[in-house]
C-alpha cells in the first residue's frame, strides 16, 4: 500500500506508474492513443469509445481476462490535485441515484467502491453493477479509471489490473487547456476495428 500524497495520489507514482511521458526511462511496446499510451500485450483486448455525434474518441477501454479498465485523461492545474474533489462529486452522484459507495485506500491511494443499479428502458432496476473508481493526479494531468468485473472481488484479478495500470503512460502535451478538459485521444493507425460507439 502506498502513502498518500496531496499532489500525486500516492507517493511513488513517478517511479512505479502510471508515468508521465517525460518520466519514461525505457522504451516499451505501447499502443499510442495520443494522450494515453497503453501497454501492447497479447492478453488484453482494447477498444476506444467514440462520441456518436462528433466522431471524437473519448475513452480507451481495456478487457483483461474477466475485468475491464475504462480510461480517460484530463488536463489539470500544475500544482493542484483534482481527485479529492472529483471523488466527492462521483460519490454524491451515485448516492443521489440510490447507489451505494464506500471509500478505501488501495494500490493507487483513495478509491471508491460502488454499487449501482442497472435499469431497463422503463427505468426499473434489473441488476446491481459493481464499479471501482480510481483517480491519479500527475503533472498537469488527471487520469480517471473505472474498473469492473472480476477485479472488484478477486485479489489476483485486482493485482493483474493494477500491474496493467502501472504500465500506462500519459502524454499531456504542451497545449494550454482548461482544467478538467478531456485530453485529446486518437485512433492508432490501422485500428479501425477498435472503435465502439
N, C-alpha and C. Protein backbone atom coordinates (compact mmCIF):
# COMPACT_ATOMS: atom_id res chain seq x y z
N UNK A 1 0.85 -1.19 0.00
CA UNK A 1 0.00 0.00 0.00
C UNK A 1 0.89 1.23 0.00
N UNK A 2 0.48 2.26 -0.75
CA UNK A 2 1.30 3.44 -0.89
C UNK A 2 0.84 4.56 0.02
N UNK A 3 1.77 5.36 0.50
CA UNK A 3 1.43 6.52 1.32
C UNK A 3 0.74 7.57 0.47
N UNK A 4 -0.28 8.21 1.03
CA UNK A 4 -1.00 9.24 0.29
C UNK A 4 -0.11 10.47 0.13
N UNK A 5 -0.30 11.12 -0.99
CA UNK A 5 0.45 12.32 -1.31
C UNK A 5 -0.52 13.31 -1.95
N UNK A 6 -0.53 14.54 -1.47
CA UNK A 6 -1.54 15.50 -1.89
C UNK A 6 -1.51 15.80 -3.37
N UNK A 7 -0.34 15.71 -4.01
CA UNK A 7 -0.27 16.09 -5.41
C UNK A 7 -0.36 14.92 -6.38
N UNK A 8 0.01 13.74 -5.96
CA UNK A 8 0.05 12.64 -6.90
C UNK A 8 -0.91 11.51 -6.57
N UNK A 9 -1.58 11.55 -5.42
CA UNK A 9 -2.47 10.47 -5.04
C UNK A 9 -1.76 9.42 -4.23
N UNK A 10 -0.50 9.14 -4.57
CA UNK A 10 0.32 8.23 -3.78
C UNK A 10 1.77 8.58 -4.05
N UNK A 11 2.63 8.22 -3.13
CA UNK A 11 3.97 8.81 -3.09
C UNK A 11 4.89 8.40 -4.23
N UNK A 12 4.73 7.19 -4.78
CA UNK A 12 5.73 6.71 -5.74
C UNK A 12 5.22 6.59 -7.17
N UNK A 13 4.20 7.37 -7.54
CA UNK A 13 3.65 7.28 -8.90
C UNK A 13 4.72 7.48 -9.96
N UNK A 14 5.61 8.45 -9.78
CA UNK A 14 6.61 8.76 -10.80
C UNK A 14 7.65 7.66 -10.97
N UNK A 15 7.64 6.69 -10.05
CA UNK A 15 8.57 5.56 -10.13
C UNK A 15 7.85 4.32 -10.64
N UNK A 16 6.69 4.03 -10.06
CA UNK A 16 6.01 2.76 -10.36
C UNK A 16 4.93 2.90 -11.43
N UNK A 17 4.50 4.13 -11.76
CA UNK A 17 3.48 4.32 -12.77
C UNK A 17 2.09 4.43 -12.16
N UNK A 18 1.17 4.92 -12.99
CA UNK A 18 1.31 5.34 -14.38
C UNK A 18 2.26 6.54 -14.50
N UNK A 19 3.01 6.57 -15.61
CA UNK A 19 4.03 7.59 -15.78
C UNK A 19 3.55 8.71 -16.70
N UNK A 20 4.14 9.87 -16.51
CA UNK A 20 4.05 10.93 -17.49
C UNK A 20 5.05 10.60 -18.60
N UNK A 21 4.78 11.05 -19.82
CA UNK A 21 5.68 10.72 -20.94
C UNK A 21 7.10 11.22 -20.68
N UNK A 22 7.24 12.30 -19.90
CA UNK A 22 8.57 12.83 -19.61
C UNK A 22 9.34 11.96 -18.61
N UNK A 23 8.65 11.04 -17.96
CA UNK A 23 9.28 10.20 -16.93
C UNK A 23 9.70 8.83 -17.44
N UNK A 24 9.37 8.51 -18.70
CA UNK A 24 9.67 7.20 -19.25
C UNK A 24 11.16 7.07 -19.48
N UNK A 25 11.77 6.06 -18.89
CA UNK A 25 13.22 5.86 -18.99
C UNK A 25 13.59 4.76 -19.98
N UNK A 26 12.66 3.85 -20.24
CA UNK A 26 12.97 2.75 -21.15
C UNK A 26 11.85 2.61 -22.18
N UNK A 27 12.22 2.24 -23.39
CA UNK A 27 11.24 2.07 -24.46
C UNK A 27 10.53 0.74 -24.27
N UNK A 28 9.19 0.80 -24.33
CA UNK A 28 8.38 -0.41 -24.23
C UNK A 28 7.35 -0.39 -25.34
N UNK A 29 6.87 -1.54 -25.79
CA UNK A 29 5.84 -1.53 -26.83
C UNK A 29 4.51 -1.01 -26.27
N UNK A 30 4.03 0.09 -26.83
CA UNK A 30 2.81 0.73 -26.37
C UNK A 30 1.90 1.05 -27.55
N UNK A 31 0.59 0.92 -27.35
CA UNK A 31 -0.39 1.44 -28.31
C UNK A 31 -0.51 2.94 -28.06
N UNK A 32 -0.36 3.74 -29.10
CA UNK A 32 -0.39 5.20 -28.96
C UNK A 32 -1.77 5.74 -29.31
N UNK A 33 -2.50 6.18 -28.27
CA UNK A 33 -3.81 6.79 -28.47
C UNK A 33 -3.75 8.31 -28.30
N UNK A 34 -2.58 8.88 -28.47
CA UNK A 34 -2.42 10.32 -28.30
C UNK A 34 -2.05 10.64 -26.86
N UNK A 35 -3.02 11.07 -26.09
CA UNK A 35 -2.74 11.42 -24.68
C UNK A 35 -2.57 10.19 -23.79
N UNK A 36 -3.02 9.04 -24.25
CA UNK A 36 -2.85 7.80 -23.49
C UNK A 36 -2.06 6.79 -24.31
N UNK A 37 -1.08 6.18 -23.66
CA UNK A 37 -0.31 5.12 -24.29
C UNK A 37 -0.45 3.87 -23.42
N UNK A 38 -0.93 2.81 -24.04
CA UNK A 38 -1.36 1.62 -23.31
C UNK A 38 -0.43 0.46 -23.65
N UNK A 39 -0.03 -0.35 -22.66
CA UNK A 39 0.86 -1.48 -22.94
C UNK A 39 0.33 -2.38 -24.05
N UNK A 40 1.23 -2.74 -24.95
CA UNK A 40 0.90 -3.63 -26.07
C UNK A 40 1.13 -5.06 -25.60
N UNK A 41 0.03 -5.70 -25.18
CA UNK A 41 0.11 -7.04 -24.62
C UNK A 41 -0.84 -7.97 -25.35
N UNK A 42 -0.47 -9.25 -25.41
CA UNK A 42 -1.30 -10.22 -26.12
C UNK A 42 -2.48 -10.70 -25.29
N UNK A 43 -2.47 -10.43 -23.97
CA UNK A 43 -3.54 -10.94 -23.11
C UNK A 43 -4.66 -9.92 -22.88
N UNK A 44 -4.68 -8.83 -23.65
CA UNK A 44 -5.73 -7.82 -23.48
C UNK A 44 -6.44 -7.56 -24.79
N UNK A 45 -7.65 -7.05 -24.67
CA UNK A 45 -8.43 -6.58 -25.82
C UNK A 45 -8.72 -5.10 -25.59
N UNK A 46 -8.39 -4.26 -26.57
CA UNK A 46 -8.51 -2.81 -26.40
C UNK A 46 -9.53 -2.26 -27.40
N UNK A 47 -10.39 -1.36 -26.88
CA UNK A 47 -11.36 -0.66 -27.73
C UNK A 47 -11.31 0.82 -27.39
N UNK A 48 -11.78 1.63 -28.30
CA UNK A 48 -11.97 3.04 -27.98
C UNK A 48 -13.45 3.34 -28.02
N UNK A 49 -13.88 4.30 -27.22
CA UNK A 49 -15.25 4.75 -27.24
C UNK A 49 -15.30 6.06 -28.02
N UNK A 50 -16.24 6.13 -28.96
CA UNK A 50 -16.36 7.26 -29.87
C UNK A 50 -17.70 7.95 -29.65
N UNK A 51 -17.66 9.27 -29.51
CA UNK A 51 -18.89 10.04 -29.36
C UNK A 51 -19.62 10.03 -30.70
N UNK A 52 -20.88 9.61 -30.66
CA UNK A 52 -21.61 9.39 -31.91
C UNK A 52 -21.78 10.65 -32.73
N UNK A 53 -22.07 11.78 -32.09
CA UNK A 53 -22.38 12.99 -32.85
C UNK A 53 -21.15 13.63 -33.47
N UNK A 54 -19.99 13.52 -32.81
CA UNK A 54 -18.79 14.20 -33.30
C UNK A 54 -17.76 13.26 -33.91
N UNK A 55 -17.86 11.97 -33.61
CA UNK A 55 -16.84 11.02 -34.07
C UNK A 55 -15.56 11.11 -33.28
N UNK A 56 -15.57 11.88 -32.19
CA UNK A 56 -14.37 12.06 -31.38
C UNK A 56 -14.16 10.87 -30.45
N UNK A 57 -12.91 10.41 -30.35
CA UNK A 57 -12.56 9.36 -29.40
C UNK A 57 -12.57 9.97 -27.99
N UNK A 58 -13.34 9.37 -27.07
CA UNK A 58 -13.49 9.96 -25.73
C UNK A 58 -12.97 9.06 -24.60
N UNK A 59 -12.65 7.81 -24.89
CA UNK A 59 -12.15 6.93 -23.83
C UNK A 59 -11.48 5.71 -24.45
N UNK A 60 -10.61 5.08 -23.66
CA UNK A 60 -9.99 3.81 -24.03
C UNK A 60 -10.48 2.76 -23.04
N UNK A 61 -10.89 1.62 -23.55
CA UNK A 61 -11.42 0.55 -22.71
C UNK A 61 -10.60 -0.72 -22.94
N UNK A 62 -10.14 -1.32 -21.84
CA UNK A 62 -9.28 -2.49 -21.93
C UNK A 62 -9.94 -3.66 -21.21
N UNK A 63 -10.05 -4.80 -21.89
CA UNK A 63 -10.51 -6.04 -21.26
C UNK A 63 -9.29 -6.90 -20.95
N UNK A 64 -9.17 -7.28 -19.69
CA UNK A 64 -8.10 -8.16 -19.24
C UNK A 64 -8.76 -9.33 -18.51
N UNK A 65 -8.75 -10.50 -19.15
CA UNK A 65 -9.47 -11.67 -18.62
C UNK A 65 -10.92 -11.26 -18.35
N UNK A 66 -11.39 -11.37 -17.11
CA UNK A 66 -12.79 -11.05 -16.80
C UNK A 66 -12.95 -9.67 -16.16
N UNK A 67 -11.98 -8.80 -16.38
CA UNK A 67 -12.05 -7.44 -15.84
C UNK A 67 -12.00 -6.42 -16.98
N UNK A 68 -12.54 -5.23 -16.71
CA UNK A 68 -12.49 -4.14 -17.68
C UNK A 68 -11.92 -2.90 -17.01
N UNK A 69 -11.09 -2.17 -17.76
CA UNK A 69 -10.48 -0.92 -17.28
C UNK A 69 -10.86 0.18 -18.27
N UNK A 70 -11.56 1.19 -17.79
CA UNK A 70 -12.02 2.31 -18.62
C UNK A 70 -11.17 3.53 -18.28
N UNK A 71 -10.54 4.15 -19.29
CA UNK A 71 -9.55 5.19 -19.06
C UNK A 71 -9.92 6.50 -19.75
N UNK A 72 -9.75 7.60 -19.02
CA UNK A 72 -9.85 8.94 -19.59
C UNK A 72 -8.83 9.83 -18.87
N UNK A 73 -8.15 10.69 -19.62
CA UNK A 73 -7.19 11.62 -19.04
C UNK A 73 -7.65 13.05 -19.28
N UNK A 74 -7.46 13.89 -18.27
CA UNK A 74 -7.93 15.27 -18.32
C UNK A 74 -6.80 16.22 -17.96
N UNK A 75 -6.91 17.45 -18.47
CA UNK A 75 -5.96 18.49 -18.08
C UNK A 75 -6.21 18.88 -16.62
N UNK A 76 -5.16 19.24 -15.93
CA UNK A 76 -5.30 19.71 -14.55
C UNK A 76 -4.31 20.84 -14.30
N UNK A 77 -4.53 21.65 -13.25
CA UNK A 77 -3.60 22.72 -12.93
C UNK A 77 -2.23 22.15 -12.55
N UNK A 78 -1.20 22.96 -12.73
CA UNK A 78 0.17 22.50 -12.50
C UNK A 78 0.40 22.04 -11.06
N UNK A 79 -0.11 22.76 -10.10
CA UNK A 79 0.18 22.45 -8.70
C UNK A 79 -1.07 22.16 -7.88
N UNK A 80 -2.07 21.56 -8.51
CA UNK A 80 -3.31 21.28 -7.79
C UNK A 80 -3.83 19.90 -8.16
N UNK A 81 -4.15 19.11 -7.15
CA UNK A 81 -4.72 17.78 -7.37
C UNK A 81 -6.24 17.90 -7.54
N UNK A 82 -6.81 17.07 -8.42
CA UNK A 82 -8.25 17.10 -8.68
C UNK A 82 -9.01 15.95 -8.03
N UNK A 83 -8.32 14.87 -7.66
CA UNK A 83 -9.02 13.65 -7.29
C UNK A 83 -9.91 13.81 -6.06
N UNK A 84 -9.50 14.58 -5.08
CA UNK A 84 -10.33 14.74 -3.88
C UNK A 84 -11.70 15.31 -4.24
N UNK A 85 -11.72 16.36 -5.04
CA UNK A 85 -12.99 16.98 -5.42
C UNK A 85 -13.80 16.10 -6.36
N UNK A 86 -13.12 15.49 -7.33
CA UNK A 86 -13.83 14.62 -8.28
C UNK A 86 -14.40 13.40 -7.56
N UNK A 87 -13.65 12.86 -6.62
CA UNK A 87 -14.12 11.70 -5.85
C UNK A 87 -15.40 12.04 -5.09
N UNK A 88 -15.43 13.22 -4.47
CA UNK A 88 -16.63 13.66 -3.75
C UNK A 88 -17.81 13.81 -4.70
N UNK A 89 -17.56 14.34 -5.91
CA UNK A 89 -18.63 14.51 -6.90
C UNK A 89 -19.19 13.17 -7.36
N UNK A 90 -18.30 12.21 -7.61
CA UNK A 90 -18.74 10.87 -8.03
C UNK A 90 -19.58 10.23 -6.93
N UNK A 91 -19.11 10.32 -5.70
CA UNK A 91 -19.83 9.73 -4.57
C UNK A 91 -21.22 10.33 -4.43
N UNK A 92 -21.30 11.64 -4.52
CA UNK A 92 -22.60 12.31 -4.40
C UNK A 92 -23.54 11.91 -5.53
N UNK A 93 -23.01 11.83 -6.75
CA UNK A 93 -23.83 11.46 -7.90
C UNK A 93 -24.41 10.05 -7.75
N UNK A 94 -23.58 9.12 -7.31
CA UNK A 94 -24.04 7.73 -7.17
C UNK A 94 -25.08 7.61 -6.06
N UNK A 95 -24.82 8.22 -4.91
CA UNK A 95 -25.77 8.10 -3.80
C UNK A 95 -27.08 8.82 -4.11
N UNK A 96 -27.03 9.91 -4.87
CA UNK A 96 -28.26 10.62 -5.22
C UNK A 96 -29.15 9.81 -6.15
N UNK A 97 -28.55 8.82 -6.83
CA UNK A 97 -29.31 7.95 -7.71
C UNK A 97 -29.65 6.61 -7.04
N UNK A 98 -29.45 6.55 -5.73
CA UNK A 98 -29.82 5.34 -4.99
C UNK A 98 -28.74 4.30 -4.90
N UNK A 99 -27.53 4.60 -5.39
CA UNK A 99 -26.44 3.65 -5.30
C UNK A 99 -25.73 3.74 -3.95
N UNK A 100 -24.77 2.85 -3.76
CA UNK A 100 -24.01 2.84 -2.51
C UNK A 100 -22.53 3.01 -2.84
N UNK A 101 -21.81 3.72 -1.97
CA UNK A 101 -20.39 4.00 -2.19
C UNK A 101 -19.62 3.80 -0.89
N UNK A 102 -18.46 3.18 -0.98
CA UNK A 102 -17.54 3.06 0.15
C UNK A 102 -16.17 3.52 -0.31
N UNK A 103 -15.50 4.28 0.54
CA UNK A 103 -14.15 4.75 0.20
C UNK A 103 -13.12 3.94 0.96
N UNK A 104 -12.01 3.60 0.29
CA UNK A 104 -10.92 2.89 0.96
C UNK A 104 -9.60 3.32 0.33
N UNK A 105 -8.52 2.92 0.96
CA UNK A 105 -7.20 3.18 0.42
C UNK A 105 -6.73 1.91 -0.29
N UNK A 106 -6.40 2.05 -1.56
CA UNK A 106 -5.95 0.91 -2.35
C UNK A 106 -4.55 1.15 -2.90
N UNK A 107 -4.21 0.44 -3.95
CA UNK A 107 -2.86 0.50 -4.52
C UNK A 107 -2.47 1.88 -5.03
N UNK A 108 -3.48 2.67 -5.43
CA UNK A 108 -3.21 3.98 -6.01
C UNK A 108 -3.75 5.12 -5.14
N UNK A 109 -3.89 4.86 -3.86
CA UNK A 109 -4.42 5.87 -2.95
C UNK A 109 -5.91 5.68 -2.73
N UNK A 110 -6.60 6.78 -2.46
CA UNK A 110 -8.03 6.71 -2.17
C UNK A 110 -8.81 6.25 -3.40
N UNK A 111 -9.75 5.34 -3.20
CA UNK A 111 -10.59 4.84 -4.29
C UNK A 111 -12.01 4.66 -3.79
N UNK A 112 -12.93 4.59 -4.73
CA UNK A 112 -14.35 4.40 -4.41
C UNK A 112 -14.81 3.05 -4.91
N UNK A 113 -15.47 2.29 -4.05
CA UNK A 113 -16.15 1.07 -4.45
C UNK A 113 -17.64 1.36 -4.45
N UNK A 114 -18.29 1.10 -5.57
CA UNK A 114 -19.70 1.49 -5.67
C UNK A 114 -20.56 0.33 -6.15
N UNK A 115 -21.83 0.44 -5.78
CA UNK A 115 -22.86 -0.48 -6.27
C UNK A 115 -23.96 0.38 -6.88
N UNK A 116 -24.18 0.20 -8.17
CA UNK A 116 -25.19 0.99 -8.87
C UNK A 116 -26.20 0.06 -9.52
N UNK A 117 -27.41 0.56 -9.65
CA UNK A 117 -28.47 -0.24 -10.25
C UNK A 117 -28.44 -0.10 -11.76
N UNK A 118 -28.55 -1.23 -12.46
CA UNK A 118 -28.73 -1.23 -13.90
C UNK A 118 -30.23 -1.23 -14.17
N UNK A 119 -30.69 -0.31 -15.03
CA UNK A 119 -32.13 -0.17 -15.25
C UNK A 119 -32.51 -0.51 -16.69
N UNK A 120 -33.76 -0.98 -16.84
CA UNK A 120 -34.27 -1.26 -18.19
C UNK A 120 -34.81 0.03 -18.81
N UNK A 121 -35.41 -0.08 -20.00
CA UNK A 121 -35.89 1.10 -20.72
C UNK A 121 -37.01 1.83 -19.98
N UNK A 122 -37.70 1.13 -19.10
CA UNK A 122 -38.77 1.75 -18.31
C UNK A 122 -38.26 2.35 -17.00
N UNK A 123 -36.96 2.23 -16.76
CA UNK A 123 -36.39 2.78 -15.53
C UNK A 123 -36.46 1.85 -14.34
N UNK A 124 -36.83 0.59 -14.58
CA UNK A 124 -36.93 -0.39 -13.49
C UNK A 124 -35.56 -1.05 -13.27
N UNK A 125 -35.15 -1.15 -12.00
CA UNK A 125 -33.87 -1.78 -11.67
C UNK A 125 -33.92 -3.27 -12.00
N UNK A 126 -32.92 -3.73 -12.75
CA UNK A 126 -32.91 -5.13 -13.15
C UNK A 126 -31.68 -5.89 -12.62
N UNK A 127 -30.64 -5.14 -12.21
CA UNK A 127 -29.44 -5.80 -11.69
C UNK A 127 -28.59 -4.78 -10.95
N UNK A 128 -27.65 -5.29 -10.17
CA UNK A 128 -26.69 -4.44 -9.48
C UNK A 128 -25.34 -4.55 -10.19
N UNK A 129 -24.69 -3.42 -10.36
CA UNK A 129 -23.37 -3.41 -11.00
C UNK A 129 -22.36 -2.82 -10.04
N UNK A 130 -21.21 -3.47 -9.92
CA UNK A 130 -20.17 -3.02 -9.00
C UNK A 130 -19.03 -2.39 -9.80
N UNK A 131 -18.61 -1.20 -9.38
CA UNK A 131 -17.56 -0.46 -10.05
C UNK A 131 -16.55 0.05 -9.03
N UNK A 132 -15.29 0.15 -9.46
CA UNK A 132 -14.26 0.76 -8.64
C UNK A 132 -13.73 1.98 -9.39
N UNK A 133 -13.74 3.14 -8.72
CA UNK A 133 -13.25 4.38 -9.32
C UNK A 133 -11.89 4.71 -8.75
N UNK A 134 -10.92 4.94 -9.63
CA UNK A 134 -9.58 5.34 -9.24
C UNK A 134 -9.27 6.69 -9.88
N UNK A 135 -8.53 7.52 -9.18
CA UNK A 135 -8.09 8.79 -9.74
C UNK A 135 -6.62 8.99 -9.45
N UNK A 136 -5.88 9.36 -10.47
CA UNK A 136 -4.44 9.54 -10.31
C UNK A 136 -4.06 10.92 -10.82
N UNK A 137 -3.51 11.74 -9.93
CA UNK A 137 -3.05 13.08 -10.27
C UNK A 137 -1.60 13.02 -10.71
N UNK A 138 -1.33 13.46 -11.92
CA UNK A 138 0.03 13.53 -12.44
C UNK A 138 0.41 14.97 -12.71
N UNK A 139 1.55 15.20 -13.35
CA UNK A 139 1.97 16.56 -13.66
C UNK A 139 1.11 17.18 -14.77
N UNK A 140 0.21 18.07 -14.39
CA UNK A 140 -0.70 18.77 -15.30
C UNK A 140 -1.71 17.84 -15.97
N UNK A 141 -1.94 16.66 -15.40
CA UNK A 141 -2.99 15.77 -15.89
C UNK A 141 -3.62 14.99 -14.74
N UNK A 142 -4.83 14.52 -15.03
CA UNK A 142 -5.57 13.68 -14.09
C UNK A 142 -6.08 12.48 -14.85
N UNK A 143 -5.81 11.29 -14.35
CA UNK A 143 -6.24 10.05 -15.00
C UNK A 143 -7.40 9.45 -14.21
N UNK A 144 -8.54 9.31 -14.89
CA UNK A 144 -9.74 8.72 -14.27
C UNK A 144 -9.89 7.30 -14.78
N UNK A 145 -10.01 6.37 -13.84
CA UNK A 145 -10.08 4.95 -14.18
C UNK A 145 -11.30 4.34 -13.53
N UNK A 146 -12.07 3.59 -14.30
CA UNK A 146 -13.21 2.86 -13.76
C UNK A 146 -12.98 1.37 -14.04
N UNK A 147 -12.96 0.58 -12.98
CA UNK A 147 -12.69 -0.86 -13.09
C UNK A 147 -13.99 -1.62 -12.80
N UNK A 148 -14.25 -2.65 -13.59
CA UNK A 148 -15.41 -3.51 -13.35
C UNK A 148 -15.02 -4.96 -13.59
N UNK A 149 -15.91 -5.86 -13.22
CA UNK A 149 -15.66 -7.28 -13.44
C UNK A 149 -14.96 -7.95 -12.28
N UNK A 150 -14.17 -8.99 -12.59
CA UNK A 150 -13.57 -9.84 -11.57
C UNK A 150 -12.65 -9.09 -10.62
N UNK A 151 -12.02 -8.02 -11.09
CA UNK A 151 -11.06 -7.29 -10.25
C UNK A 151 -11.71 -6.63 -9.03
N UNK A 152 -13.03 -6.53 -9.01
CA UNK A 152 -13.71 -5.93 -7.86
C UNK A 152 -13.61 -6.85 -6.65
N UNK A 153 -13.70 -8.16 -6.85
CA UNK A 153 -13.76 -9.10 -5.72
C UNK A 153 -12.60 -10.09 -5.67
N UNK A 154 -11.89 -10.29 -6.77
CA UNK A 154 -10.83 -11.30 -6.83
C UNK A 154 -9.47 -10.63 -6.68
N UNK A 155 -8.75 -10.88 -5.58
CA UNK A 155 -7.46 -10.22 -5.36
C UNK A 155 -6.45 -10.46 -6.48
N UNK A 156 -6.43 -11.65 -7.05
CA UNK A 156 -5.49 -11.94 -8.13
C UNK A 156 -5.82 -11.11 -9.37
N UNK A 157 -7.11 -11.03 -9.70
CA UNK A 157 -7.53 -10.22 -10.85
C UNK A 157 -7.27 -8.75 -10.60
N UNK A 158 -7.48 -8.31 -9.35
CA UNK A 158 -7.21 -6.92 -8.99
C UNK A 158 -5.72 -6.59 -9.14
N UNK A 159 -4.86 -7.51 -8.72
CA UNK A 159 -3.43 -7.31 -8.87
C UNK A 159 -3.01 -7.23 -10.33
N UNK A 160 -3.62 -8.05 -11.18
CA UNK A 160 -3.30 -8.03 -12.60
C UNK A 160 -3.72 -6.69 -13.22
N UNK A 161 -4.88 -6.17 -12.81
CA UNK A 161 -5.33 -4.87 -13.30
C UNK A 161 -4.39 -3.76 -12.83
N UNK A 162 -3.97 -3.82 -11.56
CA UNK A 162 -3.03 -2.83 -11.04
C UNK A 162 -1.74 -2.82 -11.86
N UNK A 163 -1.23 -4.00 -12.20
CA UNK A 163 0.01 -4.09 -12.99
C UNK A 163 -0.17 -3.43 -14.35
N UNK A 164 -1.33 -3.66 -14.98
CA UNK A 164 -1.58 -3.05 -16.28
C UNK A 164 -1.65 -1.52 -16.16
N UNK A 165 -2.35 -1.04 -15.13
CA UNK A 165 -2.47 0.40 -14.92
C UNK A 165 -1.10 1.04 -14.74
N UNK A 166 -0.21 0.37 -14.03
CA UNK A 166 1.13 0.91 -13.80
C UNK A 166 1.92 1.07 -15.11
N UNK A 167 1.54 0.33 -16.15
CA UNK A 167 2.24 0.41 -17.43
C UNK A 167 1.71 1.50 -18.36
N UNK A 168 0.65 2.21 -17.95
CA UNK A 168 0.08 3.26 -18.77
C UNK A 168 0.96 4.51 -18.72
N UNK A 169 1.06 5.19 -19.85
CA UNK A 169 1.81 6.45 -19.94
C UNK A 169 0.84 7.54 -20.40
N UNK A 170 0.87 8.68 -19.72
CA UNK A 170 0.04 9.83 -20.11
C UNK A 170 0.92 10.86 -20.80
N UNK A 171 0.49 11.28 -22.00
CA UNK A 171 1.21 12.29 -22.76
C UNK A 171 0.38 13.58 -22.72
N UNK A 172 0.69 14.45 -21.78
CA UNK A 172 -0.09 15.68 -21.57
C UNK A 172 0.03 16.65 -22.73
N UNK A 173 1.19 16.73 -23.37
CA UNK A 173 1.40 17.71 -24.42
C UNK A 173 1.61 19.10 -23.83
N UNK A 174 1.94 20.05 -24.68
CA UNK A 174 2.25 21.40 -24.23
C UNK A 174 1.13 22.40 -24.49
N UNK A 175 0.06 21.98 -25.16
CA UNK A 175 -1.03 22.90 -25.48
C UNK A 175 -1.77 23.33 -24.22
N UNK A 176 -1.90 24.64 -23.97
CA UNK A 176 -2.68 25.08 -22.80
C UNK A 176 -4.13 24.61 -22.91
N UNK A 177 -4.65 24.08 -21.81
CA UNK A 177 -6.02 23.59 -21.78
C UNK A 177 -6.62 23.92 -20.42
N UNK A 178 -7.93 24.20 -20.37
CA UNK A 178 -8.56 24.46 -19.08
C UNK A 178 -8.62 23.19 -18.25
N UNK A 179 -8.54 23.31 -16.91
CA UNK A 179 -8.64 22.14 -16.05
C UNK A 179 -9.92 21.34 -16.32
N UNK A 180 -9.80 20.03 -16.26
CA UNK A 180 -10.90 19.07 -16.44
C UNK A 180 -11.30 18.85 -17.89
N UNK A 181 -10.62 19.50 -18.83
CA UNK A 181 -10.93 19.23 -20.24
C UNK A 181 -10.26 17.93 -20.64
N UNK A 182 -11.00 17.10 -21.39
CA UNK A 182 -10.51 15.80 -21.82
C UNK A 182 -9.29 15.98 -22.72
N UNK A 183 -8.21 15.29 -22.39
CA UNK A 183 -7.03 15.34 -23.25
C UNK A 183 -7.33 14.60 -24.55
N UNK A 184 -6.82 15.10 -25.67
CA UNK A 184 -7.20 14.51 -26.97
C UNK A 184 -6.74 13.07 -27.13
N UNK A 185 -7.64 12.26 -27.65
CA UNK A 185 -7.36 10.86 -27.95
C UNK A 185 -7.48 10.66 -29.46
N UNK A 186 -6.67 9.76 -29.99
CA UNK A 186 -6.71 9.45 -31.41
C UNK A 186 -6.82 7.94 -31.59
N UNK A 187 -7.24 7.54 -32.78
CA UNK A 187 -7.26 6.14 -33.13
C UNK A 187 -5.90 5.78 -33.73
N UNK A 188 -5.21 4.79 -33.18
CA UNK A 188 -3.93 4.39 -33.79
C UNK A 188 -4.12 3.96 -35.24
N UNK A 189 -3.12 4.23 -36.05
CA UNK A 189 -3.20 3.88 -37.47
C UNK A 189 -3.49 2.39 -37.65
N UNK A 190 -4.39 2.08 -38.58
CA UNK A 190 -4.71 0.69 -38.89
C UNK A 190 -5.52 -0.03 -37.85
N UNK A 191 -6.27 0.73 -37.01
CA UNK A 191 -7.01 0.08 -35.92
C UNK A 191 -8.48 0.46 -35.91
N UNK A 192 -9.08 0.58 -37.08
CA UNK A 192 -10.49 0.98 -37.16
C UNK A 192 -11.40 0.00 -36.42
N UNK A 193 -10.97 -1.25 -36.29
CA UNK A 193 -11.82 -2.25 -35.62
C UNK A 193 -11.90 -2.02 -34.11
N UNK A 194 -11.11 -1.10 -33.58
CA UNK A 194 -11.14 -0.84 -32.15
C UNK A 194 -12.34 -0.01 -31.72
N UNK A 195 -12.96 0.70 -32.66
CA UNK A 195 -13.98 1.69 -32.29
C UNK A 195 -15.28 1.05 -31.85
N UNK A 196 -15.88 1.66 -30.83
CA UNK A 196 -17.25 1.33 -30.47
C UNK A 196 -17.95 2.61 -30.07
N UNK A 197 -19.22 2.68 -30.33
CA UNK A 197 -19.96 3.92 -30.05
C UNK A 197 -20.80 3.74 -28.81
